[in-house]
Amino acid sequence: MSLALRIIPKLDIKGSNLVKGIHLEGLRVLGKPQSFAKYYYENGADELIYQDVVASLYGRNSLQDIISKTAKEIFIPLNVGGGIRTIQDISTILLAGADKVSINTSAINNPELISSAANVFGSSTIVVSIEVIKQTNGKYTAFTDNGRTVTGKEVIAWAKQVEKLGAGEISLTSVDHEGSGKGFDLTLAKSVTDAVSIPVVVHGGAGKMEHVLSLAKEVPASGIAIASLFHYNYIKHHRNTDGYEEEGNIDFLKSNKILSNIQSVSIDELKSYLLQHNIFCRKHETLI
């Protein structure tokens, strides 16, 4: 039997807040990450991704406190990324409660960090995040800093190098599709999963359950990372604007809007849908 497809909520963090944008830009505050994380754990998430979306841009990582609080309440793997540059940074994040770390900018700037980190902590702990933008010539190019900085690295070649250097997993994001609700870039996802033998988690574009099903049927991904589908479902039922007066763009929270191109779906609902369509995923007994 093949391994169960992992369904992984992705939580983008800016400061102390959970945020969401489109194409990794225009970030809007959605709430406090610990509340979302606890709900997702109770609703059947297989893993969580925490990403500090401005850490590399500002040369910092500020997730330790959030990780520590989250790790006390959830008991599924926690993958943390953003601003991780050194072996010491990785150690700090793991000691705070993370199970894996994701590196992108530092891996591009210093590929040997992948090997060093894998040797120290084990390959299964080291995830390389690859942010991708399709160029006008049709080629896929890796970017850093939330899709702001071009690296010049062709994605398939970089994915192969990442595997050779000892990474245990690739987290693949289509910046073009991220937050759009128009579906995944299946060509990109298939190309990368075919090129490497390590697990690949695909992210960017889910707007409805059918998009997730299409990816699961057509691409041998190890996991699917999802933000908008789950986040907007959560705030539909748990919208809270208390305590955000001086903490970024909260216009969306105040507006009571629901984005028309994003389906409102819980993890439990999505897994039930996938199982009905013969996609093997682990169905937890809902705790709430």
Protein backbone atom coordinates (compact mmCIF):
# COMPACT_ATOMS: atom_id res chain seq x y z
CA MET A 1 0.00 0.00 0.00
CA SER A 2 1.28 3.49 -0.84
CA LEU A 3 1.93 5.98 1.89
CA ALA A 4 -0.99 8.13 2.97
CA LEU A 5 -1.16 11.56 1.38
CA ARG A 6 -0.38 14.18 4.02
CA ILE A 7 -2.75 17.14 4.29
CA ILE A 8 -0.77 20.04 5.73
CA PRO A 9 -2.11 23.47 6.69
CA LYS A 10 0.45 26.19 5.92
CA LEU A 11 0.55 29.13 8.30
CA ASP A 12 2.39 32.22 7.09
CA ILE A 13 3.54 34.36 10.01
CA LYS A 14 4.41 38.05 10.17
CA GLY A 15 5.33 39.22 13.65
CA SER A 16 2.81 37.62 16.00
CA ASN A 17 0.06 37.22 13.40
CA LEU A 18 -1.12 34.70 10.87
CA VAL A 19 -1.28 36.44 7.48
CA LYS A 20 -2.32 35.56 3.95
CA GLY A 21 -1.68 37.17 0.62
CA ILE A 22 -1.88 36.48 -3.11
CA HIS A 23 1.31 35.53 -4.95
CA LEU A 24 2.97 35.93 -1.53
CA GLU A 25 2.16 39.66 -1.52
CA GLY A 26 -0.55 41.97 -0.09
CA LEU A 27 -0.49 40.28 3.30
CA ARG A 28 -3.66 40.58 5.39
CA VAL A 29 -3.98 39.63 9.05
CA LEU A 30 -6.24 36.61 9.69
CA GLY A 31 -5.65 35.94 13.39
CA LYS A 32 -3.28 34.39 15.90
CA PRO A 33 -1.42 31.33 14.60
CA GLN A 34 -1.71 29.30 17.81
CA SER A 35 -5.52 29.35 17.58
CA PHE A 36 -5.49 28.15 13.98
CA ALA A 37 -2.84 25.51 14.74
CA LYS A 38 -4.79 24.04 17.64
CA TYR A 39 -7.99 23.90 15.57
CA TYR A 40 -6.19 22.24 12.65
CA TYR A 41 -4.61 19.65 14.94
CA GLU A 42 -8.00 18.83 16.44
CA ASN A 43 -9.57 18.69 12.96
CA GLY A 44 -7.13 16.09 11.61
CA ALA A 45 -4.07 17.84 10.13
CA ASP A 46 -1.17 15.48 9.49
CA GLU A 47 1.46 18.17 9.94
CA LEU A 48 1.75 21.96 10.14
CA ILE A 49 4.03 24.37 8.29
CA TYR A 50 4.98 27.62 10.01
CA GLN A 51 6.69 30.13 7.70
CA ASP A 52 7.98 33.53 8.81
CA VAL A 53 7.31 35.34 5.56
CA VAL A 54 9.47 38.41 6.27
CA ALA A 55 12.33 36.80 8.19
CA SER A 56 14.81 36.63 5.31
CA LEU A 57 13.86 40.09 4.11
CA TYR A 58 14.61 41.63 7.50
CA GLY A 59 17.41 39.27 8.47
CA ARG A 60 15.73 37.76 11.53
CA ASN A 61 13.70 34.87 12.82
CA SER A 62 11.06 35.56 15.46
CA LEU A 63 9.15 32.29 15.62
CA GLN A 64 10.68 30.67 18.71
CA ASP A 65 8.02 31.91 21.12
CA ILE A 66 5.15 30.99 18.80
CA ILE A 67 6.67 27.55 18.20
CA SER A 68 7.08 26.89 21.92
CA LYS A 69 3.45 27.79 22.62
CA THR A 70 2.18 25.72 19.70
CA ALA A 71 4.26 22.64 20.52
CA LYS A 72 2.64 22.45 23.95
CA GLU A 73 -0.82 22.03 22.40
CA ILE A 74 -0.32 20.01 19.22
CA PHE A 75 1.25 16.60 18.76
CA ILE A 76 1.83 16.34 15.04
CA PRO A 77 5.02 17.25 13.14
CA LEU A 78 5.77 20.97 12.98
CA ASN A 79 7.83 22.25 10.05
CA VAL A 80 9.27 25.75 10.57
CA GLY A 81 10.94 28.06 8.07
CA GLY A 82 12.03 31.64 7.58
CA GLY A 83 15.34 33.34 8.37
CA ILE A 84 17.19 30.13 9.18
CA ARG A 85 20.82 30.60 8.16
CA THR A 86 23.10 28.48 10.34
CA ILE A 87 23.40 25.18 12.17
CA GLN A 88 22.81 27.12 15.39
CA ASP A 89 19.58 28.61 13.99
CA ILE A 90 18.37 25.10 13.15
CA SER A 91 19.26 23.85 16.61
CA THR A 92 17.38 26.75 18.22
CA ILE A 93 14.24 26.10 16.19
CA LEU A 94 14.30 22.37 16.93
CA LEU A 95 14.84 22.97 20.65
CA ALA A 96 11.84 25.33 20.62
CA GLY A 97 9.64 22.42 19.52
CA ALA A 98 9.89 22.10 15.74
CA ASP A 99 10.32 18.66 14.16
CA LYS A 100 11.65 19.90 10.81
CA VAL A 101 13.16 23.10 9.45
CA SER A 102 12.70 24.59 5.98
CA ILE A 103 15.51 26.54 4.37
CA ASN A 104 15.41 28.49 1.12
CA THR A 105 17.54 31.65 0.93
CA SER A 106 20.34 30.15 3.00
CA ALA A 107 20.31 26.97 0.90
CA ILE A 108 20.61 29.01 -2.29
CA ASN A 109 23.40 31.18 -0.87
CA ASN A 110 25.24 28.29 0.77
CA PRO A 111 24.21 24.88 -0.61
CA GLU A 112 26.69 23.14 1.68
CA LEU A 113 24.45 24.12 4.60
CA ILE A 114 22.07 21.41 3.38
CA SER A 115 24.76 18.74 3.69
CA SER A 116 26.05 20.04 7.00
CA ALA A 117 22.57 20.24 8.51
CA ALA A 118 21.62 16.77 7.24
CA ASN A 119 24.79 15.34 8.78
CA VAL A 120 24.12 16.99 12.14
CA PHE A 121 20.36 16.58 12.47
CA GLY A 122 19.46 13.86 9.95
CA SER A 123 18.05 14.24 6.45
CA SER A 124 14.45 13.79 7.61
CA THR A 125 14.76 17.01 9.62
CA ILE A 126 15.93 19.17 6.70
CA VAL A 127 13.41 20.48 4.18
CA VAL A 128 14.41 22.74 1.29
CA SER A 129 11.71 25.18 0.25
CA ILE A 130 11.65 26.07 -3.44
CA GLU A 131 9.62 29.09 -4.53
CA VAL A 132 8.98 29.05 -8.26
CA ILE A 133 7.97 31.62 -10.86
CA LYS A 134 7.44 30.59 -14.48
CA GLN A 135 9.36 32.81 -16.88
CA THR A 136 8.14 34.18 -20.21
CA ASN A 137 10.27 31.58 -22.01
CA GLY A 138 8.38 28.82 -20.21
CA LYS A 139 11.19 27.86 -17.85
CA TYR A 140 10.67 27.52 -14.13
CA THR A 141 13.08 29.57 -12.01
CA ALA A 142 13.70 29.41 -8.25
CA PHE A 143 13.18 32.57 -6.20
CA THR A 144 13.85 33.59 -2.61
CA ASP A 145 12.43 36.17 -0.17
CA ASN A 146 8.80 35.22 -0.81
CA GLY A 147 9.19 35.40 -4.56
CA ARG A 148 10.97 38.77 -4.54
CA THR A 149 14.51 37.77 -5.49
CA VAL A 150 15.43 35.79 -8.59
CA THR A 151 18.20 33.23 -8.15
CA GLY A 152 18.87 32.21 -11.73
CA LYS A 153 18.55 28.55 -10.72
CA GLU A 154 16.45 26.32 -12.95
CA VAL A 155 14.03 24.46 -10.70
CA ILE A 156 14.51 20.86 -11.83
CA ALA A 157 18.31 21.11 -11.67
CA TRP A 158 18.09 22.74 -8.25
CA ALA A 159 15.70 20.08 -6.94
CA LYS A 160 18.09 17.35 -8.05
CA GLN A 161 21.01 19.14 -6.40
CA VAL A 162 19.03 19.56 -3.19
CA GLU A 163 18.39 15.82 -3.06
CA LYS A 164 22.04 15.02 -3.78
CA LEU A 165 23.16 17.33 -0.96
CA GLY A 166 21.09 15.37 1.55
CA ALA A 167 17.77 17.16 2.02
CA GLY A 168 15.02 14.84 3.20
CA GLU A 169 12.12 16.69 1.60
CA ILE A 170 11.24 19.49 -0.81
CA SER A 171 8.49 22.02 -0.18
CA LEU A 172 7.44 23.31 -3.61
CA THR A 173 5.48 26.55 -4.02
CA SER A 174 4.21 28.04 -7.26
CA VAL A 175 4.30 31.78 -6.60
CA ASP A 176 2.24 32.32 -9.76
CA HIS A 177 -0.61 30.21 -8.36
CA GLU A 178 -0.24 30.89 -4.61
CA GLY A 179 -3.34 32.49 -3.06
CA SER A 180 -5.07 32.69 -6.45
CA GLY A 181 -7.60 29.92 -5.96
CA LYS A 182 -7.14 28.87 -9.60
CA GLY A 183 -5.62 25.48 -8.92
CA PHE A 184 -2.13 24.03 -8.72
CA ASP A 185 0.55 24.18 -11.39
CA LEU A 186 0.35 20.48 -12.19
CA THR A 187 3.11 20.64 -14.81
CA LEU A 188 5.55 22.10 -12.29
CA ALA A 189 4.55 19.64 -9.57
CA LYS A 190 4.81 16.62 -11.87
CA SER A 191 8.19 17.73 -13.22
CA VAL A 192 9.72 18.03 -9.76
CA THR A 193 8.22 14.85 -8.29
CA ASP A 194 9.41 12.91 -11.35
CA ALA A 195 12.92 14.35 -11.04
CA VAL A 196 13.61 13.39 -7.40
CA SER A 197 13.04 10.40 -5.14
CA ILE A 198 12.67 12.31 -1.86
CA PRO A 199 9.19 13.41 -0.67
CA VAL A 200 7.75 16.56 -2.24
CA VAL A 201 5.06 18.67 -0.58
CA VAL A 202 3.21 20.82 -3.13
CA HIS A 203 1.73 24.22 -2.31
CA GLY A 204 0.08 27.09 -4.12
CA GLY A 205 -3.30 27.51 -5.78
CA ALA A 206 -5.97 25.41 -4.07
CA GLY A 207 -9.32 27.18 -4.36
CA LYS A 208 -11.65 24.20 -4.06
CA MET A 209 -11.56 20.53 -3.20
CA GLU A 210 -11.47 19.51 -6.86
CA HIS A 211 -8.08 21.22 -7.22
CA VAL A 212 -6.67 19.07 -4.43
CA LEU A 213 -8.17 15.95 -5.97
CA SER A 214 -6.65 16.74 -9.38
CA LEU A 215 -3.22 17.15 -7.85
CA ALA A 216 -3.56 13.95 -5.81
CA LYS A 217 -4.61 11.96 -8.89
CA GLU A 218 -2.04 13.33 -11.31
CA VAL A 219 1.06 13.97 -9.18
CA PRO A 220 2.83 11.55 -6.80
CA ALA A 221 3.21 14.19 -4.10
CA SER A 222 3.95 13.11 -0.54
CA GLY A 223 1.87 15.94 0.86
CA ILE A 224 -0.26 18.91 -0.11
CA ALA A 225 0.16 22.17 1.80
CA ILE A 226 -2.98 24.31 1.92
CA ALA A 227 -3.60 27.77 3.33
CA SER A 228 -6.60 29.69 1.97
CA LEU A 229 -9.13 26.82 1.91
CA PHE A 230 -8.59 26.11 5.60
CA HIS A 231 -7.88 29.64 6.86
CA TYR A 232 -11.02 31.18 5.40
CA ASN A 233 -13.10 28.29 6.68
CA TYR A 234 -11.69 28.90 10.15
CA ILE A 235 -12.38 32.65 10.22
CA LYS A 236 -15.85 32.10 8.77
CA HIS A 237 -16.69 30.45 12.10
CA HIS A 238 -14.12 32.05 14.44
CA ARG A 239 -13.63 35.62 13.17
CA ASN A 240 -12.10 37.78 15.91
CA THR A 241 -10.79 41.34 15.64
CA ASP A 242 -9.95 41.88 19.32
CA GLY A 243 -6.41 42.99 20.06
CA TYR A 244 -5.33 43.79 16.51
CA GLU A 245 -5.71 47.58 16.55
CA GLU A 246 -2.02 48.22 15.94
CA GLU A 247 -1.02 44.99 14.24
CA GLY A 248 -1.08 45.34 10.50
CA ASN A 249 -3.80 45.20 7.88
CA ILE A 250 -6.96 43.91 9.56
CA ASP A 251 -9.43 45.37 7.05
CA PHE A 252 -10.33 41.88 5.84
CA LEU A 253 -11.09 40.67 9.38
CA LYS A 254 -13.31 43.71 10.00
CA SER A 255 -15.15 43.42 6.69
CA ASN A 256 -16.84 40.02 7.22
CA LYS A 257 -15.97 39.27 3.59
CA ILE A 258 -15.65 35.76 2.23
CA LEU A 259 -13.56 35.46 -0.93
CA SER A 260 -15.77 34.18 -3.75
CA ASN A 261 -12.96 32.23 -5.46
CA ILE A 262 -11.99 30.30 -2.33
CA GLN A 263 -14.14 27.42 -1.11
CA SER A 264 -14.72 27.17 2.63
CA VAL A 265 -13.46 23.69 3.59
CA SER A 266 -12.34 22.02 6.81
CA ILE A 267 -9.59 19.41 6.92
CA ASP A 268 -12.10 16.76 7.90
CA GLU A 269 -14.36 17.63 4.96
CA LEU A 270 -11.45 17.57 2.52
CA LYS A 271 -10.19 14.21 3.73
CA SER A 272 -13.65 12.69 3.51
CA TYR A 273 -13.93 13.98 -0.06
CA LEU A 274 -10.54 12.55 -1.03
CA LEU A 275 -11.34 9.16 0.50
CA GLN A 276 -14.62 9.07 -1.43
CA HIS A 277 -12.53 9.47 -4.59
CA ASN A 278 -10.10 6.70 -3.62
CA ILE A 279 -7.25 8.94 -2.51
CA PHE A 280 -5.54 7.31 0.46
CA CYS A 281 -5.19 9.77 3.35
CA ARG A 282 -5.26 9.26 7.09
CA LYS A 283 -8.69 10.09 8.51
CA HIS A 284 -8.43 11.07 12.16
CA GLU A 285 -11.29 10.97 14.58
CA THR A 286 -12.15 14.63 14.94
CA LEU A 287 -11.32 15.83 18.45
CA ILE A 288 -13.66 18.82 18.54
